[in-house]
N, C-alpha and C. Protein backbone atom coordinates (compact mmCIF):
# COMPACT_ATOMS: atom_id res chain seq x y z
N UNK A 1 69.53 160.03 78.76
CA UNK A 1 70.79 160.62 78.38
C UNK A 1 70.53 162.06 77.95
N UNK A 2 71.32 162.96 78.46
CA UNK A 2 71.13 164.37 78.17
C UNK A 2 71.69 164.73 76.80
N UNK A 3 71.29 165.91 76.36
CA UNK A 3 71.79 166.41 75.07
C UNK A 3 73.30 166.58 75.10
N UNK A 4 73.84 167.00 76.24
CA UNK A 4 75.28 167.21 76.35
C UNK A 4 76.04 165.89 76.20
N UNK A 5 75.51 164.82 76.78
CA UNK A 5 76.16 163.52 76.65
C UNK A 5 76.08 163.03 75.21
N UNK A 6 74.94 163.22 74.57
CA UNK A 6 74.80 162.82 73.17
C UNK A 6 75.80 163.57 72.28
N UNK A 7 75.90 164.86 72.50
CA UNK A 7 76.82 165.65 71.68
C UNK A 7 78.27 165.28 71.97
N UNK A 8 78.57 164.87 73.20
CA UNK A 8 79.93 164.43 73.53
C UNK A 8 80.25 163.12 72.83
N UNK A 9 79.30 162.20 72.82
CA UNK A 9 79.50 160.94 72.09
C UNK A 9 79.70 161.22 70.60
N UNK A 10 78.91 162.12 70.05
CA UNK A 10 79.06 162.47 68.64
C UNK A 10 80.42 163.09 68.36
N UNK A 11 80.88 163.95 69.27
CA UNK A 11 82.19 164.58 69.09
C UNK A 11 83.32 163.55 69.18
N UNK A 12 83.20 162.60 70.10
CA UNK A 12 84.22 161.55 70.19
C UNK A 12 84.22 160.68 68.94
N UNK A 13 83.05 160.34 68.45
CA UNK A 13 82.94 159.53 67.24
C UNK A 13 83.50 160.26 66.03
N UNK A 14 83.14 161.53 65.87
CA UNK A 14 83.65 162.28 64.73
C UNK A 14 85.15 162.53 64.86
N UNK A 15 85.64 162.73 66.09
CA UNK A 15 87.09 162.88 66.28
C UNK A 15 87.85 161.64 65.88
N UNK A 16 87.28 160.49 66.19
CA UNK A 16 87.90 159.23 65.79
C UNK A 16 87.99 159.12 64.27
N UNK A 17 86.92 159.50 63.60
CA UNK A 17 86.91 159.46 62.13
C UNK A 17 87.89 160.48 61.55
N UNK A 18 87.84 161.69 62.05
CA UNK A 18 88.67 162.77 61.51
C UNK A 18 90.16 162.46 61.65
N UNK A 19 90.58 162.14 62.87
CA UNK A 19 92.00 161.90 63.09
C UNK A 19 92.46 160.59 62.46
N UNK A 20 91.56 159.62 62.39
CA UNK A 20 91.89 158.37 61.70
C UNK A 20 92.15 158.60 60.23
N UNK A 21 91.27 159.38 59.59
CA UNK A 21 91.47 159.70 58.18
C UNK A 21 92.72 160.54 57.96
N UNK A 22 93.00 161.45 58.86
CA UNK A 22 94.20 162.29 58.73
C UNK A 22 95.46 161.42 58.78
N UNK A 23 95.55 160.57 59.78
CA UNK A 23 96.75 159.75 59.90
C UNK A 23 96.83 158.68 58.81
N UNK A 24 95.68 158.25 58.30
CA UNK A 24 95.70 157.32 57.16
C UNK A 24 96.27 158.04 55.94
N UNK A 25 95.83 159.28 55.70
CA UNK A 25 96.34 160.04 54.55
C UNK A 25 97.82 160.36 54.71
N UNK A 26 98.22 160.75 55.91
CA UNK A 26 99.63 161.06 56.14
C UNK A 26 100.50 159.83 55.91
N UNK A 27 100.07 158.68 56.43
CA UNK A 27 100.88 157.46 56.24
C UNK A 27 100.91 157.05 54.77
N UNK A 28 99.80 157.24 54.06
CA UNK A 28 99.78 156.92 52.63
C UNK A 28 100.76 157.81 51.87
N UNK A 29 100.71 159.12 52.13
CA UNK A 29 101.62 160.05 51.45
C UNK A 29 103.08 159.80 51.85
N UNK A 30 103.30 159.42 53.09
CA UNK A 30 104.65 159.13 53.56
C UNK A 30 105.20 157.88 52.86
N UNK A 31 104.37 156.85 52.72
CA UNK A 31 104.80 155.63 52.03
C UNK A 31 105.02 155.86 50.55
N UNK A 32 104.32 156.81 49.97
CA UNK A 32 104.52 157.15 48.56
C UNK A 32 105.77 158.01 48.35
N UNK A 33 106.37 158.48 49.43
CA UNK A 33 107.56 159.32 49.33
C UNK A 33 107.25 160.76 48.97
N UNK A 34 106.04 161.17 49.17
CA UNK A 34 105.63 162.52 48.78
C UNK A 34 106.21 163.59 49.70
N UNK A 35 106.68 163.21 50.89
CA UNK A 35 107.24 164.19 51.81
C UNK A 35 108.76 164.34 51.62
N UNK A 36 109.30 163.68 50.62
CA UNK A 36 110.72 163.81 50.30
C UNK A 36 110.97 164.81 49.19
N UNK A 37 109.91 165.43 48.71
CA UNK A 37 110.01 166.38 47.60
C UNK A 37 110.11 167.81 48.15
N UNK A 38 110.48 168.75 47.29
CA UNK A 38 110.58 170.15 47.75
C UNK A 38 109.24 170.76 48.17
N UNK A 39 108.14 170.24 47.65
CA UNK A 39 106.84 170.80 48.01
C UNK A 39 106.19 170.06 49.19
N UNK A 40 106.99 169.45 50.03
CA UNK A 40 106.49 168.65 51.15
C UNK A 40 105.72 169.50 52.16
N UNK A 41 106.23 170.70 52.45
CA UNK A 41 105.53 171.56 53.41
C UNK A 41 104.19 172.03 52.87
N UNK A 42 104.12 172.31 51.59
CA UNK A 42 102.84 172.70 50.99
C UNK A 42 101.85 171.54 51.06
N UNK A 43 102.32 170.34 50.81
CA UNK A 43 101.47 169.16 50.89
C UNK A 43 100.99 168.92 52.32
N UNK A 44 101.88 169.12 53.27
CA UNK A 44 101.50 168.97 54.68
C UNK A 44 100.48 170.04 55.07
N UNK A 45 100.67 171.26 54.61
CA UNK A 45 99.72 172.34 54.87
C UNK A 45 98.36 172.05 54.25
N UNK A 46 98.35 171.52 53.03
CA UNK A 46 97.09 171.16 52.39
C UNK A 46 96.38 170.05 53.17
N UNK A 47 97.12 169.09 53.65
CA UNK A 47 96.54 168.00 54.42
C UNK A 47 95.97 168.50 55.74
N UNK A 48 96.67 169.42 56.40
CA UNK A 48 96.15 169.98 57.65
C UNK A 48 94.93 170.86 57.40
N UNK A 49 94.91 171.59 56.31
CA UNK A 49 93.73 172.38 55.95
C UNK A 49 92.55 171.47 55.68
N UNK A 50 92.80 170.36 55.01
CA UNK A 50 91.76 169.36 54.77
C UNK A 50 91.25 168.78 56.09
N UNK A 51 92.15 168.62 57.06
CA UNK A 51 91.76 168.15 58.39
C UNK A 51 90.79 169.12 59.04
N UNK A 52 91.07 170.40 58.96
CA UNK A 52 90.21 171.40 59.60
C UNK A 52 88.85 171.48 58.91
N UNK A 53 88.85 171.61 57.60
CA UNK A 53 87.59 171.74 56.85
C UNK A 53 86.79 170.45 56.95
N UNK A 54 87.45 169.33 56.76
CA UNK A 54 86.77 168.04 56.87
C UNK A 54 86.27 167.80 58.29
N UNK A 55 87.02 168.25 59.27
CA UNK A 55 86.62 168.09 60.66
C UNK A 55 85.34 168.82 60.98
N UNK A 56 85.21 170.01 60.46
CA UNK A 56 83.98 170.77 60.68
C UNK A 56 82.79 170.06 60.04
N UNK A 57 82.97 169.60 58.81
CA UNK A 57 81.89 168.91 58.11
C UNK A 57 81.51 167.61 58.81
N UNK A 58 82.49 166.82 59.21
CA UNK A 58 82.21 165.56 59.89
C UNK A 58 81.54 165.80 61.23
N UNK A 59 81.95 166.83 61.96
CA UNK A 59 81.31 167.16 63.24
C UNK A 59 79.84 167.50 63.05
N UNK A 60 79.53 168.30 62.06
CA UNK A 60 78.13 168.68 61.82
C UNK A 60 77.30 167.46 61.47
N UNK A 61 77.80 166.64 60.56
CA UNK A 61 77.07 165.43 60.16
C UNK A 61 76.92 164.47 61.33
N UNK A 62 77.97 164.31 62.13
CA UNK A 62 77.90 163.40 63.28
C UNK A 62 76.89 163.88 64.30
N UNK A 63 76.83 165.18 64.56
CA UNK A 63 75.85 165.71 65.51
C UNK A 63 74.43 165.45 65.04
N UNK A 64 74.18 165.67 63.76
CA UNK A 64 72.85 165.45 63.22
C UNK A 64 72.49 163.97 63.26
N UNK A 65 73.41 163.11 62.83
CA UNK A 65 73.13 161.67 62.83
C UNK A 65 72.93 161.13 64.24
N UNK A 66 73.75 161.55 65.19
CA UNK A 66 73.60 161.06 66.56
C UNK A 66 72.28 161.53 67.16
N UNK A 67 71.88 162.75 66.84
CA UNK A 67 70.61 163.23 67.34
C UNK A 67 69.46 162.41 66.79
N UNK A 68 69.51 162.10 65.51
CA UNK A 68 68.47 161.28 64.88
C UNK A 68 68.47 159.88 65.46
N UNK A 69 69.65 159.28 65.59
CA UNK A 69 69.74 157.91 66.10
C UNK A 69 69.25 157.82 67.53
N UNK A 70 69.67 158.74 68.39
CA UNK A 70 69.24 158.70 69.79
C UNK A 70 67.74 158.98 69.92
N UNK A 71 67.20 159.83 69.05
CA UNK A 71 65.76 160.08 69.09
C UNK A 71 64.98 158.84 68.69
N UNK A 72 65.46 158.12 67.68
CA UNK A 72 64.79 156.89 67.25
C UNK A 72 64.91 155.81 68.31
N UNK A 73 66.08 155.64 68.87
CA UNK A 73 66.30 154.58 69.86
C UNK A 73 65.52 154.83 71.15
N UNK A 74 65.50 156.06 71.61
CA UNK A 74 64.86 156.36 72.90
C UNK A 74 63.39 156.74 72.76
N UNK A 75 62.89 156.88 71.55
CA UNK A 75 61.51 157.32 71.30
C UNK A 75 61.17 158.62 72.01
N UNK A 76 62.15 159.48 72.12
CA UNK A 76 61.96 160.77 72.78
C UNK A 76 61.71 161.82 71.70
N UNK A 77 60.45 162.18 71.52
CA UNK A 77 60.08 163.11 70.46
C UNK A 77 60.49 164.55 70.79
N UNK A 78 60.69 164.82 72.06
CA UNK A 78 60.98 166.19 72.47
C UNK A 78 62.28 166.20 73.29
N UNK A 79 63.44 166.26 72.61
CA UNK A 79 64.70 166.26 73.37
C UNK A 79 64.90 167.56 74.13
N UNK A 80 65.59 167.45 75.25
CA UNK A 80 65.83 168.64 76.07
C UNK A 80 67.20 169.24 75.74
N UNK A 81 67.21 170.52 75.48
CA UNK A 81 68.44 171.23 75.17
C UNK A 81 68.78 172.23 76.26
N UNK A 82 68.31 171.97 77.46
CA UNK A 82 68.53 172.87 78.58
C UNK A 82 69.98 172.76 79.05
N UNK A 83 70.62 173.89 79.16
CA UNK A 83 71.99 173.94 79.65
C UNK A 83 71.97 174.73 80.95
N UNK A 84 72.34 174.07 82.03
CA UNK A 84 72.33 174.74 83.32
C UNK A 84 73.76 175.05 83.77
N UNK A 85 73.87 175.56 84.98
CA UNK A 85 75.19 175.96 85.49
C UNK A 85 76.13 174.76 85.62
N UNK A 86 75.59 173.62 86.00
CA UNK A 86 76.41 172.41 86.14
C UNK A 86 77.01 172.02 84.80
N UNK A 87 76.22 172.09 83.73
CA UNK A 87 76.72 171.75 82.41
C UNK A 87 77.81 172.71 81.97
N UNK A 88 77.65 173.98 82.30
CA UNK A 88 78.68 174.96 81.96
C UNK A 88 79.97 174.70 82.73
N UNK A 89 79.85 174.33 84.00
CA UNK A 89 81.04 174.01 84.80
C UNK A 89 81.75 172.77 84.28
N UNK A 90 80.97 171.77 83.88
CA UNK A 90 81.57 170.56 83.31
C UNK A 90 82.31 170.91 82.03
N UNK A 91 81.69 171.72 81.19
CA UNK A 91 82.32 172.14 79.94
C UNK A 91 83.62 172.89 80.21
N UNK A 92 83.60 173.81 81.15
CA UNK A 92 84.80 174.59 81.47
C UNK A 92 85.91 173.72 82.06
N UNK A 93 85.53 172.78 82.91
CA UNK A 93 86.52 171.88 83.51
C UNK A 93 87.19 171.02 82.43
N UNK A 94 86.39 170.47 81.53
CA UNK A 94 86.93 169.64 80.46
C UNK A 94 87.79 170.47 79.51
N UNK A 95 87.34 171.67 79.18
CA UNK A 95 88.13 172.54 78.30
C UNK A 95 89.46 172.93 78.91
N UNK A 96 89.47 173.16 80.22
CA UNK A 96 90.73 173.51 80.89
C UNK A 96 91.75 172.41 80.71
N UNK A 97 91.35 171.15 80.94
CA UNK A 97 92.29 170.04 80.77
C UNK A 97 92.67 169.84 79.31
N UNK A 98 91.74 170.10 78.43
CA UNK A 98 92.03 170.00 77.00
C UNK A 98 93.09 171.03 76.60
N UNK A 99 92.95 172.24 77.10
CA UNK A 99 93.93 173.29 76.81
C UNK A 99 95.30 172.96 77.41
N UNK A 100 95.32 172.37 78.58
CA UNK A 100 96.59 171.97 79.19
C UNK A 100 97.32 170.96 78.29
N UNK A 101 96.59 169.96 77.82
CA UNK A 101 97.20 168.93 76.98
C UNK A 101 97.67 169.52 75.66
N UNK A 102 96.82 170.32 75.02
CA UNK A 102 97.22 170.91 73.76
C UNK A 102 98.40 171.87 73.94
N UNK A 103 98.37 172.66 75.01
CA UNK A 103 99.48 173.58 75.28
C UNK A 103 100.79 172.85 75.51
N UNK A 104 100.73 171.74 76.24
CA UNK A 104 101.95 170.95 76.46
C UNK A 104 102.46 170.37 75.16
N UNK A 105 101.55 169.91 74.31
CA UNK A 105 101.97 169.39 73.00
C UNK A 105 102.56 170.46 72.12
N UNK A 106 101.97 171.65 72.17
CA UNK A 106 102.49 172.76 71.36
C UNK A 106 103.87 173.18 71.84
N UNK A 107 104.05 173.28 73.14
CA UNK A 107 105.37 173.64 73.68
C UNK A 107 106.38 172.55 73.34
N UNK A 108 105.97 171.29 73.45
CA UNK A 108 106.85 170.19 73.06
C UNK A 108 107.24 170.28 71.60
N UNK A 109 106.30 170.66 70.75
CA UNK A 109 106.60 170.81 69.32
C UNK A 109 107.58 171.95 69.08
N UNK A 110 107.42 173.05 69.82
CA UNK A 110 108.35 174.17 69.66
C UNK A 110 109.75 173.79 70.16
N UNK A 111 109.81 172.99 71.21
CA UNK A 111 111.12 172.52 71.69
C UNK A 111 111.78 171.64 70.64
N UNK A 112 111.00 170.74 70.03
CA UNK A 112 111.55 169.90 68.96
C UNK A 112 112.01 170.73 67.77
N UNK A 113 111.25 171.77 67.45
CA UNK A 113 111.64 172.65 66.36
C UNK A 113 112.95 173.37 66.68
N UNK A 114 113.10 173.80 67.94
CA UNK A 114 114.32 174.47 68.36
C UNK A 114 115.51 173.52 68.37
N UNK A 115 115.24 172.23 68.59
CA UNK A 115 116.32 171.23 68.58
C UNK A 115 116.69 170.77 67.18
N UNK A 116 115.98 171.26 66.17
CA UNK A 116 116.36 170.96 64.80
C UNK A 116 115.53 169.89 64.12
N UNK A 117 114.46 169.45 64.73
CA UNK A 117 113.59 168.48 64.06
C UNK A 117 112.85 169.17 62.93
N UNK A 118 112.42 168.38 61.98
CA UNK A 118 111.76 168.93 60.81
C UNK A 118 110.32 169.34 61.07
N UNK A 119 109.79 170.06 60.10
CA UNK A 119 108.42 170.55 60.22
C UNK A 119 107.41 169.41 60.21
N UNK A 120 107.72 168.32 59.54
CA UNK A 120 106.80 167.17 59.50
C UNK A 120 106.55 166.64 60.91
N UNK A 121 107.60 166.46 61.68
CA UNK A 121 107.48 165.96 63.05
C UNK A 121 106.74 166.97 63.92
N UNK A 122 107.08 168.24 63.77
CA UNK A 122 106.48 169.30 64.59
C UNK A 122 104.98 169.41 64.33
N UNK A 123 104.59 169.45 63.06
CA UNK A 123 103.17 169.57 62.73
C UNK A 123 102.38 168.35 63.20
N UNK A 124 102.96 167.18 63.05
CA UNK A 124 102.24 165.99 63.47
C UNK A 124 102.17 165.86 64.98
N UNK A 125 103.14 166.40 65.69
CA UNK A 125 103.04 166.43 67.15
C UNK A 125 101.93 167.39 67.59
N UNK A 126 101.78 168.48 66.89
CA UNK A 126 100.69 169.42 67.20
C UNK A 126 99.35 168.74 66.93
N UNK A 127 99.22 168.05 65.82
CA UNK A 127 97.96 167.36 65.51
C UNK A 127 97.71 166.24 66.52
N UNK A 128 98.75 165.52 66.91
CA UNK A 128 98.58 164.45 67.91
C UNK A 128 98.14 165.02 69.25
N UNK A 129 98.68 166.17 69.63
CA UNK A 129 98.25 166.78 70.89
C UNK A 129 96.82 167.28 70.79
N UNK A 130 96.40 167.76 69.61
CA UNK A 130 95.00 168.11 69.41
C UNK A 130 94.10 166.90 69.57
N UNK A 131 94.54 165.77 69.02
CA UNK A 131 93.76 164.55 69.09
C UNK A 131 93.61 164.09 70.54
N UNK A 132 94.70 164.04 71.27
CA UNK A 132 94.65 163.60 72.66
C UNK A 132 93.80 164.57 73.49
N UNK A 133 93.95 165.86 73.24
CA UNK A 133 93.17 166.86 73.97
C UNK A 133 91.68 166.72 73.69
N UNK A 134 91.32 166.45 72.44
CA UNK A 134 89.92 166.28 72.07
C UNK A 134 89.31 165.08 72.77
N UNK A 135 90.02 163.95 72.74
CA UNK A 135 89.49 162.74 73.37
C UNK A 135 89.45 162.87 74.89
N UNK A 136 90.45 163.49 75.46
CA UNK A 136 90.45 163.69 76.91
C UNK A 136 89.30 164.60 77.33
N UNK A 137 89.05 165.63 76.56
CA UNK A 137 87.93 166.53 76.86
C UNK A 137 86.61 165.77 76.86
N UNK A 138 86.40 164.94 75.86
CA UNK A 138 85.17 164.17 75.79
C UNK A 138 85.03 163.18 76.93
N UNK A 139 86.11 162.52 77.26
CA UNK A 139 86.08 161.53 78.35
C UNK A 139 85.80 162.22 79.69
N UNK A 140 86.42 163.37 79.91
CA UNK A 140 86.17 164.11 81.15
C UNK A 140 84.71 164.55 81.22
N UNK A 141 84.17 165.05 80.11
CA UNK A 141 82.76 165.45 80.11
C UNK A 141 81.85 164.28 80.45
N UNK A 142 82.10 163.14 79.81
CA UNK A 142 81.25 161.98 80.07
C UNK A 142 81.35 161.52 81.52
N UNK A 143 82.57 161.48 82.03
CA UNK A 143 82.75 161.04 83.43
C UNK A 143 82.06 162.00 84.39
N UNK A 144 82.19 163.30 84.16
CA UNK A 144 81.58 164.27 85.06
C UNK A 144 80.05 164.27 84.95
N UNK A 145 79.53 164.06 83.75
CA UNK A 145 78.09 163.97 83.61
C UNK A 145 77.55 162.73 84.30
N UNK A 146 78.26 161.62 84.17
CA UNK A 146 77.82 160.37 84.80
C UNK A 146 77.93 160.46 86.32
N UNK A 147 78.97 161.09 86.79
CA UNK A 147 79.18 161.22 88.23
C UNK A 147 78.21 162.19 88.87
N UNK A 148 77.76 163.14 88.09
CA UNK A 148 76.82 164.12 88.60
C UNK A 148 77.51 165.40 89.04
N UNK A 149 78.80 165.49 88.94
CA UNK A 149 79.64 166.65 89.27
C UNK A 149 79.06 167.46 90.38
């Protein structure tokens, strides 16, 4: 398994944790009625900021842990970090589709905002499109690496 595949698995795993925790926190705050108060937008902004900062931290930890785990499992003392043209093309192809999905979600959120939906729905649609784009990017990378592109 190449370094790119390992890092893709780590990114998918950390994305699952990050977005799972985000939606768990949002549903908890929603059930508590915290989004019915005047400071609801500030609370939503704080939660999204926590998503970004926590996401960076979880990604770093997941990359380190996956590297350690794969090194122990495969007994490969010298992992290869070589990135060739094929890996760059796979990355660009996956990023293109990720941007398409996120862009469609963002435009959909702006349409909902123009139709009068609240900021809670708009922000969560943006986060949901980020989540789908992240997972689609990882799946495309894995499929292209396995196929040999």
